[in-house]
Amino acid sequence: MEEAQERKREKYRELVEQCRINGWRTRCMPVEVGSRGFASHTLSKAYGTLGITGVNRRRAISNNVEAVEKASRWLWLKRGERWGR
């Protein structure tokens, strides 16, 4: 997951730079949640940075994990179908 975080950080480096040039305070906080529901520590850290703590943080992480698991399952079920038009 650390490799994924670095790829994301690099992907958004130019956007972060442009935001700073525009005078905005920015932080790039890539987060990872695996398709099997493993939430990296970066997700908890990002919520902490946003001021979300305690039970609210745990609930938010749980909601993220659940959403990722549902999306992953949906993709798996649709794997044999043709995409596009």
PDB file of N, CA and C in Angstrom:
ATOM      1  N   MET A   1       0.817  -1.199   0.000  1.00  0.00           N
ATOM      2  CA  MET A   1       0.000   0.000   0.000  1.00  0.00           C
ATOM      3  C   MET A   1       0.859   1.260   0.000  1.00  0.00           C
ATOM      4  N   GLU A   2       2.088   1.155   0.500  1.00  0.00           N
ATOM      5  CA  GLU A   2       2.956   2.324   0.495  1.00  0.00           C
ATOM      6  C   GLU A   2       3.295   2.752  -0.927  1.00  0.00           C
ATOM      7  N   GLU A   3       3.437   1.773  -1.824  1.00  0.00           N
ATOM      8  CA  GLU A   3       3.692   2.106  -3.228  1.00  0.00           C
ATOM      9  C   GLU A   3       2.504   2.856  -3.818  1.00  0.00           C
ATOM     10  N   ALA A   4       1.303   2.412  -3.478  1.00  0.00           N
ATOM     11  CA  ALA A   4       0.092   3.088  -3.964  1.00  0.00           C
ATOM     12  C   ALA A   4       0.047   4.521  -3.444  1.00  0.00           C
ATOM     13  N   GLN A   5       0.444   4.704  -2.209  1.00  0.00           N
ATOM     14  CA  GLN A   5       0.435   6.048  -1.628  1.00  0.00           C
ATOM     15  C   GLN A   5       1.414   6.956  -2.374  1.00  0.00           C
ATOM     16  N   GLU A   6       2.585   6.443  -2.688  1.00  0.00           N
ATOM     17  CA  GLU A   6       3.566   7.245  -3.419  1.00  0.00           C
ATOM     18  C   GLU A   6       3.082   7.582  -4.827  1.00  0.00           C
ATOM     19  N   ARG A   7       2.452   6.612  -5.490  1.00  0.00           N
ATOM     20  CA  ARG A   7       1.902   6.882  -6.828  1.00  0.00           C
ATOM     21  C   ARG A   7       0.854   7.990  -6.762  1.00  0.00           C
ATOM     22  N   LYS A   8      -0.009   7.923  -5.761  1.00  0.00           N
ATOM     23  CA  LYS A   8      -1.052   8.945  -5.615  1.00  0.00           C
ATOM     24  C   LYS A   8      -0.437  10.303  -5.294  1.00  0.00           C
ATOM     25  N   ARG A   9       0.551  10.299  -4.414  1.00  0.00           N
ATOM     26  CA  ARG A   9       1.199  11.554  -4.045  1.00  0.00           C
ATOM     27  C   ARG A   9       1.842  12.204  -5.281  1.00  0.00           C
ATOM     28  N   GLU A  10       2.496  11.393  -6.098  1.00  0.00           N
ATOM     29  CA  GLU A  10       3.121  11.900  -7.317  1.00  0.00           C
ATOM     30  C   GLU A  10       2.066  12.392  -8.310  1.00  0.00           C
ATOM     31  N   LYS A  11       0.969  11.655  -8.407  1.00  0.00           N
ATOM     32  CA  LYS A  11      -0.101  12.009  -9.341  1.00  0.00           C
ATOM     33  C   LYS A  11      -0.673  13.396  -9.042  1.00  0.00           C
ATOM     34  N   TYR A  12      -0.762  13.745  -7.766  1.00  0.00           N
ATOM     35  CA  TYR A  12      -1.380  15.007  -7.371  1.00  0.00           C
ATOM     36  C   TYR A  12      -0.378  16.107  -7.055  1.00  0.00           C
ATOM     37  N   ARG A  13       0.908  15.827  -7.237  1.00  0.00           N
ATOM     38  CA  ARG A  13       1.946  16.806  -6.905  1.00  0.00           C
ATOM     39  C   ARG A  13       1.734  18.132  -7.658  1.00  0.00           C
ATOM     40  N   GLU A  14       1.446  18.045  -8.935  1.00  0.00           N
ATOM     41  CA  GLU A  14       1.255  19.258  -9.738  1.00  0.00           C
ATOM     42  C   GLU A  14       0.024  20.045  -9.269  1.00  0.00           C
ATOM     43  N   LEU A  15      -1.052  19.349  -8.938  1.00  0.00           N
ATOM     44  CA  LEU A  15      -2.258  20.018  -8.451  1.00  0.00           C
ATOM     45  C   LEU A  15      -1.987  20.726  -7.126  1.00  0.00           C
ATOM     46  N   VAL A  16      -1.283  20.058  -6.229  1.00  0.00           N
ATOM     47  CA  VAL A  16      -0.940  20.661  -4.936  1.00  0.00           C
ATOM     48  C   VAL A  16      -0.110  21.918  -5.158  1.00  0.00           C
ATOM     49  N   GLU A  17       0.858  21.817  -6.051  1.00  0.00           N
ATOM     50  CA  GLU A  17       1.707  22.966  -6.375  1.00  0.00           C
ATOM     51  C   GLU A  17       0.875  24.132  -6.905  1.00  0.00           C
ATOM     52  N   GLN A  18      -0.044  23.843  -7.810  1.00  0.00           N
ATOM     53  CA  GLN A  18      -0.886  24.897  -8.387  1.00  0.00           C
ATOM     54  C   GLN A  18      -1.772  25.535  -7.316  1.00  0.00           C
ATOM     55  N   CYS A  19      -2.300  24.731  -6.421  1.00  0.00           N
ATOM     56  CA  CYS A  19      -3.122  25.265  -5.326  1.00  0.00           C
ATOM     57  C   CYS A  19      -2.305  26.212  -4.459  1.00  0.00           C
ATOM     58  N   ARG A  20      -1.074  25.833  -4.169  1.00  0.00           N
ATOM     59  CA  ARG A  20      -0.209  26.688  -3.340  1.00  0.00           C
ATOM     60  C   ARG A  20       0.139  27.983  -4.064  1.00  0.00           C
ATOM     61  N   ILE A  21       0.376  27.890  -5.374  1.00  0.00           N
ATOM     62  CA  ILE A  21       0.645  29.093  -6.172  1.00  0.00           C
ATOM     63  C   ILE A  21      -0.551  30.040  -6.102  1.00  0.00           C
ATOM     64  N   ASN A  22      -1.754  29.480  -6.054  1.00  0.00           N
ATOM     65  CA  ASN A  22      -2.978  30.282  -5.952  1.00  0.00           C
ATOM     66  C   ASN A  22      -3.201  30.843  -4.552  1.00  0.00           C
ATOM     67  N   GLY A  23      -2.308  30.499  -3.620  1.00  0.00           N
ATOM     68  CA  GLY A  23      -2.403  31.037  -2.274  1.00  0.00           C
ATOM     69  C   GLY A  23      -3.213  30.192  -1.308  1.00  0.00           C
ATOM     70  N   TRP A  24      -3.579  28.991  -1.710  1.00  0.00           N
ATOM     71  CA  TRP A  24      -4.352  28.117  -0.837  1.00  0.00           C
ATOM     72  C   TRP A  24      -3.422  27.236  -0.012  1.00  0.00           C
ATOM     73  N   ARG A  25      -3.820  26.987   1.218  1.00  0.00           N
ATOM     74  CA  ARG A  25      -3.085  26.017   2.041  1.00  0.00           C
ATOM     75  C   ARG A  25      -3.575  24.637   1.646  1.00  0.00           C
ATOM     76  N   THR A  26      -2.684  23.772   1.298  1.00  0.00           N
ATOM     77  CA  THR A  26      -3.079  22.438   0.840  1.00  0.00           C
ATOM     78  C   THR A  26      -2.268  21.361   1.526  1.00  0.00           C
ATOM     79  N   ARG A  27      -2.862  20.202   1.588  1.00  0.00           N
ATOM     80  CA  ARG A  27      -2.186  18.988   2.046  1.00  0.00           C
ATOM     81  C   ARG A  27      -2.613  17.863   1.132  1.00  0.00           C
ATOM     82  N   CYS A  28      -1.670  17.071   0.746  1.00  0.00           N
ATOM     83  CA  CYS A  28      -1.988  15.874  -0.032  1.00  0.00           C
ATOM     84  C   CYS A  28      -1.993  14.708   0.950  1.00  0.00           C
ATOM     85  N   MET A  29      -3.146  14.098   1.123  1.00  0.00           N
ATOM     86  CA  MET A  29      -3.284  12.998   2.077  1.00  0.00           C
ATOM     87  C   MET A  29      -3.841  11.767   1.375  1.00  0.00           C
ATOM     88  N   PRO A  30      -3.010  11.074   0.589  1.00  0.00           N
ATOM     89  CA  PRO A  30      -3.514   9.862  -0.066  1.00  0.00           C
ATOM     90  C   PRO A  30      -3.887   8.820   0.980  1.00  0.00           C
ATOM     91  N   VAL A  31      -5.008   8.179   0.769  1.00  0.00           N
ATOM     92  CA  VAL A  31      -5.450   7.123   1.683  1.00  0.00           C
ATOM     93  C   VAL A  31      -5.671   5.847   0.888  1.00  0.00           C
ATOM     94  N   GLU A  32      -5.514   4.731   1.548  1.00  0.00           N
ATOM     95  CA  GLU A  32      -5.702   3.446   0.898  1.00  0.00           C
ATOM     96  C   GLU A  32      -6.658   2.592   1.714  1.00  0.00           C
ATOM     97  N   VAL A  33      -7.587   1.985   1.014  1.00  0.00           N
ATOM     98  CA  VAL A  33      -8.444   0.960   1.596  1.00  0.00           C
ATOM     99  C   VAL A  33      -8.438  -0.180   0.599  1.00  0.00           C
ATOM    100  N   GLY A  34      -7.943  -1.329   1.025  1.00  0.00           N
ATOM    101  CA  GLY A  34      -7.857  -2.471   0.126  1.00  0.00           C
ATOM    102  C   GLY A  34      -9.221  -3.037  -0.214  1.00  0.00           C
ATOM    103  N   SER A  35      -9.278  -3.764  -1.314  1.00  0.00           N
ATOM    104  CA  SER A  35     -10.556  -4.309  -1.783  1.00  0.00           C
ATOM    105  C   SER A  35     -11.159  -5.317  -0.816  1.00  0.00           C
ATOM    106  N   ARG A  36     -10.341  -5.847   0.068  1.00  0.00           N
ATOM    107  CA  ARG A  36     -10.857  -6.794   1.064  1.00  0.00           C
ATOM    108  C   ARG A  36     -11.124  -6.138   2.411  1.00  0.00           C
ATOM    109  N   GLY A  37     -11.141  -4.825   2.408  1.00  0.00           N
ATOM    110  CA  GLY A  37     -11.564  -4.112   3.605  1.00  0.00           C
ATOM    111  C   GLY A  37     -10.474  -3.726   4.574  1.00  0.00           C
ATOM    112  N   PHE A  38      -9.219  -3.803   4.171  1.00  0.00           N
ATOM    113  CA  PHE A  38      -8.153  -3.361   5.062  1.00  0.00           C
ATOM    114  C   PHE A  38      -7.936  -1.868   4.875  1.00  0.00           C
ATOM    115  N   ALA A  39      -8.112  -1.115   5.934  1.00  0.00           N
ATOM    116  CA  ALA A  39      -7.901   0.331   5.875  1.00  0.00           C
ATOM    117  C   ALA A  39      -6.503   0.646   6.393  1.00  0.00           C
ATOM    118  N   SER A  40      -5.715   1.286   5.564  1.00  0.00           N
ATOM    119  CA  SER A  40      -4.376   1.692   5.955  1.00  0.00           C
ATOM    120  C   SER A  40      -4.457   2.752   7.056  1.00  0.00           C
ATOM    121  N   HIS A  41      -3.373   2.886   7.814  1.00  0.00           N
ATOM    122  CA  HIS A  41      -3.325   3.896   8.878  1.00  0.00           C
ATOM    123  C   HIS A  41      -3.501   5.307   8.322  1.00  0.00           C
ATOM    124  N   THR A  42      -3.255   5.476   7.022  1.00  0.00           N
ATOM    125  CA  THR A  42      -3.376   6.804   6.425  1.00  0.00           C
ATOM    126  C   THR A  42      -4.810   7.328   6.468  1.00  0.00           C
ATOM    127  N   LEU A  43      -5.773   6.432   6.429  1.00  0.00           N
ATOM    128  CA  LEU A  43      -7.175   6.856   6.492  1.00  0.00           C
ATOM    129  C   LEU A  43      -7.485   7.444   7.868  1.00  0.00           C
ATOM    130  N   SER A  44      -7.066   6.755   8.904  1.00  0.00           N
ATOM    131  CA  SER A  44      -7.277   7.249  10.262  1.00  0.00           C
ATOM    132  C   SER A  44      -6.541   8.568  10.480  1.00  0.00           C
ATOM    133  N   LYS A  45      -5.333   8.643   9.958  1.00  0.00           N
ATOM    134  CA  LYS A  45      -4.537   9.865  10.098  1.00  0.00           C
ATOM    135  C   LYS A  45      -5.221  11.037   9.387  1.00  0.00           C
ATOM    136  N   ALA A  46      -5.766  10.790   8.202  1.00  0.00           N
ATOM    137  CA  ALA A  46      -6.461  11.848   7.461  1.00  0.00           C
ATOM    138  C   ALA A  46      -7.685  12.341   8.235  1.00  0.00           C
ATOM    139  N   TYR A  47      -8.447  11.415   8.790  1.00  0.00           N
ATOM    140  CA  TYR A  47      -9.602  11.829   9.587  1.00  0.00           C
ATOM    141  C   TYR A  47      -9.163  12.648  10.797  1.00  0.00           C
ATOM    142  N   GLY A  48      -8.069  12.244  11.426  1.00  0.00           N
ATOM    143  CA  GLY A  48      -7.546  13.005  12.557  1.00  0.00           C
ATOM    144  C   GLY A  48      -7.160  14.417  12.150  1.00  0.00           C
ATOM    145  N   THR A  49      -6.519  14.547  11.000  1.00  0.00           N
ATOM    146  CA  THR A  49      -6.129  15.857  10.487  1.00  0.00           C
ATOM    147  C   THR A  49      -7.356  16.733  10.259  1.00  0.00           C
ATOM    148  N   LEU A  50      -8.451  16.105   9.852  1.00  0.00           N
ATOM    149  CA  LEU A  50      -9.700  16.837   9.622  1.00  0.00           C
ATOM    150  C   LEU A  50     -10.480  17.098  10.909  1.00  0.00           C
ATOM    151  N   GLY A  51      -9.953  16.607  12.036  1.00  0.00           N
ATOM    152  CA  GLY A  51     -10.596  16.850  13.323  1.00  0.00           C
ATOM    153  C   GLY A  51     -11.652  15.828  13.697  1.00  0.00           C
ATOM    154  N   ILE A  52     -11.708  14.731  12.979  1.00  0.00           N
ATOM    155  CA  ILE A  52     -12.683  13.675  13.273  1.00  0.00           C
ATOM    156  C   ILE A  52     -12.003  12.672  14.197  1.00  0.00           C
ATOM    157  N   THR A  53     -12.546  12.510  15.390  1.00  0.00           N
ATOM    158  CA  THR A  53     -11.890  11.680  16.402  1.00  0.00           C
ATOM    159  C   THR A  53     -12.860  10.690  17.030  1.00  0.00           C
ATOM    160  N   GLY A  54     -12.295   9.817  17.836  1.00  0.00           N
ATOM    161  CA  GLY A  54     -13.071   8.892  18.650  1.00  0.00           C
ATOM    162  C   GLY A  54     -14.025   8.019  17.869  1.00  0.00           C
ATOM    163  N   VAL A  55     -15.241   7.904  18.396  1.00  0.00           N
ATOM    164  CA  VAL A  55     -16.249   7.028  17.803  1.00  0.00           C
ATOM    165  C   VAL A  55     -16.623   7.497  16.391  1.00  0.00           C
ATOM    166  N   ASN A  56     -16.600   8.796  16.163  1.00  0.00           N
ATOM    167  CA  ASN A  56     -16.915   9.302  14.819  1.00  0.00           C
ATOM    168  C   ASN A  56     -15.869   8.859  13.798  1.00  0.00           C
ATOM    169  N   ARG A  57     -14.606   8.838  14.213  1.00  0.00           N
ATOM    170  CA  ARG A  57     -13.549   8.374  13.315  1.00  0.00           C
ATOM    171  C   ARG A  57     -13.710   6.888  13.035  1.00  0.00           C
ATOM    172  N   ARG A  58     -13.952   6.115  14.075  1.00  0.00           N
ATOM    173  CA  ARG A  58     -14.127   4.665  13.886  1.00  0.00           C
ATOM    174  C   ARG A  58     -15.324   4.375  12.985  1.00  0.00           C
ATOM    175  N   ARG A  59     -16.406   5.103  13.178  1.00  0.00           N
ATOM    176  CA  ARG A  59     -17.600   4.914  12.357  1.00  0.00           C
ATOM    177  C   ARG A  59     -17.317   5.289  10.897  1.00  0.00           C
ATOM    178  N   ALA A  60     -16.613   6.378  10.688  1.00  0.00           N
ATOM    179  CA  ALA A  60     -16.285   6.814   9.324  1.00  0.00           C
ATOM    180  C   ALA A  60     -15.398   5.788   8.628  1.00  0.00           C
ATOM    181  N   ILE A  61     -14.407   5.268   9.336  1.00  0.00           N
ATOM    182  CA  ILE A  61     -13.527   4.250   8.758  1.00  0.00           C
ATOM    183  C   ILE A  61     -14.330   3.009   8.419  1.00  0.00           C
ATOM    184  N   SER A  62     -15.200   2.609   9.317  1.00  0.00           N
ATOM    185  CA  SER A  62     -16.051   1.442   9.076  1.00  0.00           C
ATOM    186  C   SER A  62     -16.925   1.651   7.841  1.00  0.00           C
ATOM    187  N   ASN A  63     -17.484   2.850   7.704  1.00  0.00           N
ATOM    188  CA  ASN A  63     -18.309   3.161   6.530  1.00  0.00           C
ATOM    189  C   ASN A  63     -17.490   3.102   5.245  1.00  0.00           C
ATOM    190  N   ASN A  64     -16.254   3.603   5.295  1.00  0.00           N
ATOM    191  CA  ASN A  64     -15.376   3.541   4.121  1.00  0.00           C
ATOM    192  C   ASN A  64     -15.061   2.106   3.748  1.00  0.00           C
ATOM    193  N   VAL A  65     -14.722   1.306   4.735  1.00  0.00           N
ATOM    194  CA  VAL A  65     -14.391  -0.098   4.492  1.00  0.00           C
ATOM    195  C   VAL A  65     -15.587  -0.819   3.880  1.00  0.00           C
ATOM    196  N   GLU A  66     -16.759  -0.578   4.432  1.00  0.00           N
ATOM    197  CA  GLU A  66     -17.973  -1.217   3.915  1.00  0.00           C
ATOM    198  C   GLU A  66     -18.236  -0.809   2.462  1.00  0.00           C
ATOM    199  N   ALA A  67     -18.064   0.469   2.161  1.00  0.00           N
ATOM    200  CA  ALA A  67     -18.288   0.949   0.791  1.00  0.00           C
ATOM    201  C   ALA A  67     -17.302   0.313  -0.186  1.00  0.00           C
ATOM    202  N   VAL A  68     -16.050   0.195   0.219  1.00  0.00           N
ATOM    203  CA  VAL A  68     -15.041  -0.419  -0.647  1.00  0.00           C
ATOM    204  C   VAL A  68     -15.351  -1.892  -0.872  1.00  0.00           C
ATOM    205  N   GLU A  69     -15.743  -2.589   0.188  1.00  0.00           N
ATOM    206  CA  GLU A  69     -16.083  -4.007   0.044  1.00  0.00           C
ATOM    207  C   GLU A  69     -17.276  -4.194  -0.898  1.00  0.00           C
ATOM    208  N   LYS A  70     -18.289  -3.344  -0.765  1.00  0.00           N
ATOM    209  CA  LYS A  70     -19.464  -3.435  -1.643  1.00  0.00           C
ATOM    210  C   LYS A  70     -19.083  -3.156  -3.096  1.00  0.00           C
ATOM    211  N   ALA A  71     -18.270  -2.133  -3.307  1.00  0.00           N
ATOM    212  CA  ALA A  71     -17.851  -1.794  -4.668  1.00  0.00           C
ATOM    213  C   ALA A  71     -17.013  -2.911  -5.270  1.00  0.00           C
ATOM    214  N   SER A  72     -16.135  -3.471  -4.468  1.00  0.00           N
ATOM    215  CA  SER A  72     -15.287  -4.559  -4.944  1.00  0.00           C
ATOM    216  C   SER A  72     -16.131  -5.776  -5.313  1.00  0.00           C
ATOM    217  N   ARG A  73     -17.097  -6.079  -4.469  1.00  0.00           N
ATOM    218  CA  ARG A  73     -17.986  -7.210  -4.755  1.00  0.00           C
ATOM    219  C   ARG A  73     -18.791  -6.951  -6.024  1.00  0.00           C
ATOM    220  N   TRP A  74     -19.307  -5.748  -6.203  1.00  0.00           N
ATOM    221  CA  TRP A  74     -20.074  -5.414  -7.398  1.00  0.00           C
ATOM    222  C   TRP A  74     -19.219  -5.600  -8.650  1.00  0.00           C
ATOM    223  N   LEU A  75     -17.977  -5.112  -8.598  1.00  0.00           N
ATOM    224  CA  LEU A  75     -17.073  -5.282  -9.740  1.00  0.00           C
ATOM    225  C   LEU A  75     -16.825  -6.757 -10.031  1.00  0.00           C
ATOM    226  N   TRP A  76     -16.664  -7.546  -8.977  1.00  0.00           N
ATOM    227  CA  TRP A  76     -16.444  -8.983  -9.154  1.00  0.00           C
ATOM    228  C   TRP A  76     -17.656  -9.633  -9.826  1.00  0.00           C
ATOM    229  N   LEU A  77     -18.842  -9.276  -9.376  1.00  0.00           N
ATOM    230  CA  LEU A  77     -20.055  -9.849  -9.954  1.00  0.00           C
ATOM    231  C   LEU A  77     -20.236  -9.432 -11.415  1.00  0.00           C
ATOM    232  N   LYS A  78     -19.776  -8.260 -11.770  1.00  0.00           N
ATOM    233  CA  LYS A  78     -19.931  -7.735 -13.132  1.00  0.00           C
ATOM    234  C   LYS A  78     -18.732  -8.058 -14.024  1.00  0.00           C
ATOM    235  N   ARG A  79     -17.792  -8.822 -13.531  1.00  0.00           N
ATOM    236  CA  ARG A  79     -16.544  -9.047 -14.257  1.00  0.00           C
ATOM    237  C   ARG A  79     -16.742  -9.659 -15.634  1.00  0.00           C
ATOM    238  N   GLY A  80     -17.785 -10.439 -15.831  1.00  0.00           N
ATOM    239  CA  GLY A  80     -18.015 -11.089 -17.115  1.00  0.00           C
ATOM    240  C   GLY A  80     -18.797 -10.249 -18.110  1.00  0.00           C
ATOM    241  N   GLU A  81     -19.341  -9.144 -17.641  1.00  0.00           N
ATOM    242  CA  GLU A  81     -20.143  -8.295 -18.519  1.00  0.00           C
ATOM    243  C   GLU A  81     -19.262  -7.320 -19.291  1.00  0.00           C
ATOM    244  N   ARG A  82     -19.715  -6.984 -20.464  1.00  0.00           N
ATOM    245  CA  ARG A  82     -18.986  -6.042 -21.296  1.00  0.00           C
ATOM    246  C   ARG A  82     -19.213  -4.617 -20.788  1.00  0.00           C
ATOM    247  N   TRP A  83     -18.156  -3.837 -20.747  1.00  0.00           N
ATOM    248  CA  TRP A  83     -18.237  -2.452 -20.296  1.00  0.00           C
ATOM    249  C   TRP A  83     -18.360  -1.535 -21.492  1.00  0.00           C
ATOM    250  N   GLY A  84     -18.923  -0.399 -21.274  1.00  0.00           N
ATOM    251  CA  GLY A  84     -19.046   0.582 -22.344  1.00  0.00           C
ATOM    252  C   GLY A  84     -20.362   0.427 -23.075  1.00  0.00           C
ATOM    253  N   ARG A  85     -20.420   1.014 -24.255  1.00  0.00           N
ATOM    254  CA  ARG A  85     -21.673   1.007 -25.023  1.00  0.00           C
ATOM    255  C   ARG A  85     -21.718  -0.088 -26.017  1.00  0.00           C
TER     256      ARG A  85
END
